Amino acid sequence: MAQPTTSKSQPIDELRRRYDDLNNKRVAAETRLEQTQKALEQLKTEAQEQWGTSDLAELQKKLAKQQADNESLRQSYEASLAQIETSLKEIETNTSKQK
């Protein structure tokens, strides 16, 4: 890792090495930024195609609605299962009484 600048003068080869290190870091950061921006654009395109929007707030609203819908369906399914279980118990009770 490059040392911070001190009050002592550095030879030109040390300054060049520091410059090269910083330049390499800049290039790497620009490359990461470019890749990240491309990935973001791809995700926005996919969201637009799949959900009709790429706006984060709208996507969050859609997610919340889907979660609420799923919870409602789950509750309905749970109630149906409970009703089936109750009906089966009644049948079992009636069957055992008839024996």
C-alpha atoms as a PDB file:
ATOM      1  CA  MET A   1       0.000   0.000   0.000  1.00  0.00           C
ATOM      2  CA  ALA A   2       1.300   3.455  -0.870  1.00  0.00           C
ATOM      3  CA  GLN A   3       2.451   5.599   1.998  1.00  0.00           C
ATOM      4  CA  PRO A   4       0.806   8.981   2.547  1.00  0.00           C
ATOM      5  CA  THR A   5       2.681  12.050   1.462  1.00  0.00           C
ATOM      6  CA  THR A   6       5.139  13.281   4.051  1.00  0.00           C
ATOM      7  CA  SER A   7       7.076  16.504   4.340  1.00  0.00           C
ATOM      8  CA  LYS A   8      10.122  14.618   3.055  1.00  0.00           C
ATOM      9  CA  SER A   9      10.721  14.798  -0.718  1.00  0.00           C
ATOM     10  CA  GLN A  10      10.256  11.560  -2.615  1.00  0.00           C
ATOM     11  CA  PRO A  11      12.337  10.451  -5.566  1.00  0.00           C
ATOM     12  CA  ILE A  12      10.651  10.596  -8.965  1.00  0.00           C
ATOM     13  CA  ASP A  13      10.498   6.802  -9.279  1.00  0.00           C
ATOM     14  CA  GLU A  14       8.533   6.627  -5.997  1.00  0.00           C
ATOM     15  CA  LEU A  15       6.179   9.351  -7.240  1.00  0.00           C
ATOM     16  CA  ARG A  16       5.657   7.453 -10.505  1.00  0.00           C
ATOM     17  CA  ARG A  17       4.928   4.256  -8.582  1.00  0.00           C
ATOM     18  CA  ARG A  18       2.383   6.087  -6.428  1.00  0.00           C
ATOM     19  CA  TYR A  19       0.814   7.615  -9.534  1.00  0.00           C
ATOM     20  CA  ASP A  20       0.636   4.199 -11.221  1.00  0.00           C
ATOM     21  CA  ASP A  21      -1.006   2.675  -8.138  1.00  0.00           C
ATOM     22  CA  LEU A  22      -3.583   5.442  -7.999  1.00  0.00           C
ATOM     23  CA  ASN A  23      -4.198   5.250 -11.732  1.00  0.00           C
ATOM     24  CA  ASN A  24      -4.723   1.485 -11.539  1.00  0.00           C
ATOM     25  CA  LYS A  25      -7.205   1.983  -8.708  1.00  0.00           C
ATOM     26  CA  ARG A  26      -9.037   4.633 -10.755  1.00  0.00           C
ATOM     27  CA  VAL A  27      -9.259   2.332 -13.784  1.00  0.00           C
ATOM     28  CA  ALA A  28     -10.512  -0.538 -11.623  1.00  0.00           C
ATOM     29  CA  ALA A  29     -13.127   1.707  -9.994  1.00  0.00           C
ATOM     30  CA  GLU A  30     -14.311   2.981 -13.387  1.00  0.00           C
ATOM     31  CA  THR A  31     -14.555  -0.603 -14.666  1.00  0.00           C
ATOM     32  CA  ARG A  32     -16.609  -1.663 -11.625  1.00  0.00           C
ATOM     33  CA  LEU A  33     -18.844   1.379 -12.061  1.00  0.00           C
ATOM     34  CA  GLU A  34     -19.422   0.590 -15.732  1.00  0.00           C
ATOM     35  CA  GLN A  35     -20.213  -3.067 -14.977  1.00  0.00           C
ATOM     36  CA  THR A  36     -22.568  -2.077 -12.169  1.00  0.00           C
ATOM     37  CA  GLN A  37     -24.370   0.429 -14.381  1.00  0.00           C
ATOM     38  CA  LYS A  38     -24.812  -2.214 -17.103  1.00  0.00           C
ATOM     39  CA  ALA A  39     -26.159  -4.697 -14.546  1.00  0.00           C
ATOM     40  CA  LEU A  40     -28.571  -2.069 -13.215  1.00  0.00           C
ATOM     41  CA  GLU A  41     -29.847  -1.292 -16.706  1.00  0.00           C
ATOM     42  CA  GLN A  42     -30.333  -5.024 -17.382  1.00  0.00           C
ATOM     43  CA  LEU A  43     -32.271  -5.420 -14.136  1.00  0.00           C
ATOM     44  CA  LYS A  44     -34.412  -2.387 -14.960  1.00  0.00           C
ATOM     45  CA  THR A  45     -35.194  -3.864 -18.375  1.00  0.00           C
ATOM     46  CA  GLU A  46     -36.121  -7.215 -16.829  1.00  0.00           C
ATOM     47  CA  ALA A  47     -38.300  -5.523 -14.210  1.00  0.00           C
ATOM     48  CA  GLN A  48     -40.050  -3.476 -16.890  1.00  0.00           C
ATOM     49  CA  GLU A  49     -40.733  -6.594 -18.955  1.00  0.00           C
ATOM     50  CA  GLN A  50     -41.870  -8.728 -16.030  1.00  0.00           C
ATOM     51  CA  TRP A  51     -43.671  -6.232 -13.814  1.00  0.00           C
ATOM     52  CA  GLY A  52     -44.525  -3.329 -16.104  1.00  0.00           C
ATOM     53  CA  THR A  53     -42.288  -0.882 -14.266  1.00  0.00           C
ATOM     54  CA  SER A  54     -38.708  -0.433 -13.183  1.00  0.00           C
ATOM     55  CA  ASP A  55     -39.531   2.191 -10.554  1.00  0.00           C
ATOM     56  CA  LEU A  56     -38.400   0.918  -7.156  1.00  0.00           C
ATOM     57  CA  ALA A  57     -41.328   2.441  -5.245  1.00  0.00           C
ATOM     58  CA  GLU A  58     -43.831   0.877  -7.655  1.00  0.00           C
ATOM     59  CA  LEU A  59     -42.085  -2.481  -7.430  1.00  0.00           C
ATOM     60  CA  GLN A  60     -42.221  -2.297  -3.634  1.00  0.00           C
ATOM     61  CA  LYS A  61     -45.971  -1.548  -3.808  1.00  0.00           C
ATOM     62  CA  LYS A  62     -46.504  -4.516  -6.127  1.00  0.00           C
ATOM     63  CA  LEU A  63     -44.509  -6.745  -3.794  1.00  0.00           C
ATOM     64  CA  ALA A  64     -46.521  -5.608  -0.767  1.00  0.00           C
ATOM     65  CA  LYS A  65     -49.776  -6.296  -2.629  1.00  0.00           C
ATOM     66  CA  GLN A  66     -48.612  -9.746  -3.691  1.00  0.00           C
ATOM     67  CA  GLN A  67     -47.555 -10.555  -0.136  1.00  0.00           C
ATOM     68  CA  ALA A  68     -50.953  -9.438   1.172  1.00  0.00           C
ATOM     69  CA  ASP A  69     -52.720 -11.492  -1.522  1.00  0.00           C
ATOM     70  CA  ASN A  70     -50.596 -14.521  -0.684  1.00  0.00           C
ATOM     71  CA  GLU A  71     -51.376 -14.155   3.015  1.00  0.00           C
ATOM     72  CA  SER A  72     -55.077 -13.951   2.259  1.00  0.00           C
ATOM     73  CA  LEU A  73     -54.869 -17.098   0.114  1.00  0.00           C
ATOM     74  CA  ARG A  74     -52.882 -18.876   2.805  1.00  0.00           C
ATOM     75  CA  GLN A  75     -55.482 -18.023   5.432  1.00  0.00           C
ATOM     76  CA  SER A  76     -58.243 -19.251   3.167  1.00  0.00           C
ATOM     77  CA  TYR A  77     -56.371 -22.492   2.541  1.00  0.00           C
ATOM     78  CA  GLU A  78     -55.786 -22.938   6.269  1.00  0.00           C
ATOM     79  CA  ALA A  79     -59.491 -22.393   6.965  1.00  0.00           C
ATOM     80  CA  SER A  80     -60.402 -24.926   4.266  1.00  0.00           C
ATOM     81  CA  LEU A  81     -58.083 -27.504   5.781  1.00  0.00           C
ATOM     82  CA  ALA A  82     -59.557 -26.894   9.224  1.00  0.00           C
ATOM     83  CA  GLN A  83     -63.059 -27.357   7.818  1.00  0.00           C
ATOM     84  CA  ILE A  84     -62.030 -30.617   6.115  1.00  0.00           C
ATOM     85  CA  GLU A  85     -60.471 -31.865   9.352  1.00  0.00           C
ATOM     86  CA  THR A  86     -63.626 -31.000  11.282  1.00  0.00           C
ATOM     87  CA  SER A  87     -65.783 -32.798   8.720  1.00  0.00           C
ATOM     88  CA  LEU A  88     -63.556 -35.879   8.846  1.00  0.00           C
ATOM     89  CA  LYS A  89     -63.713 -35.948  12.648  1.00  0.00           C
ATOM     90  CA  GLU A  90     -67.508 -35.782  12.473  1.00  0.00           C
ATOM     91  CA  ILE A  91     -67.572 -38.658   9.996  1.00  0.00           C
ATOM     92  CA  GLU A  92     -65.216 -40.680  12.179  1.00  0.00           C
ATOM     93  CA  THR A  93     -67.348 -39.957  15.252  1.00  0.00           C
ATOM     94  CA  ASN A  94     -70.554 -40.925  13.466  1.00  0.00           C
ATOM     95  CA  THR A  95     -68.935 -44.059  12.064  1.00  0.00           C
ATOM     96  CA  SER A  96     -67.653 -45.171  15.458  1.00  0.00           C
ATOM     97  CA  LYS A  97     -71.092 -44.544  17.059  1.00  0.00           C
ATOM     98  CA  GLN A  98     -72.788 -46.720  14.451  1.00  0.00           C
ATOM     99  CA  LYS A  99     -70.572 -49.699  15.210  1.00  0.00           C
END
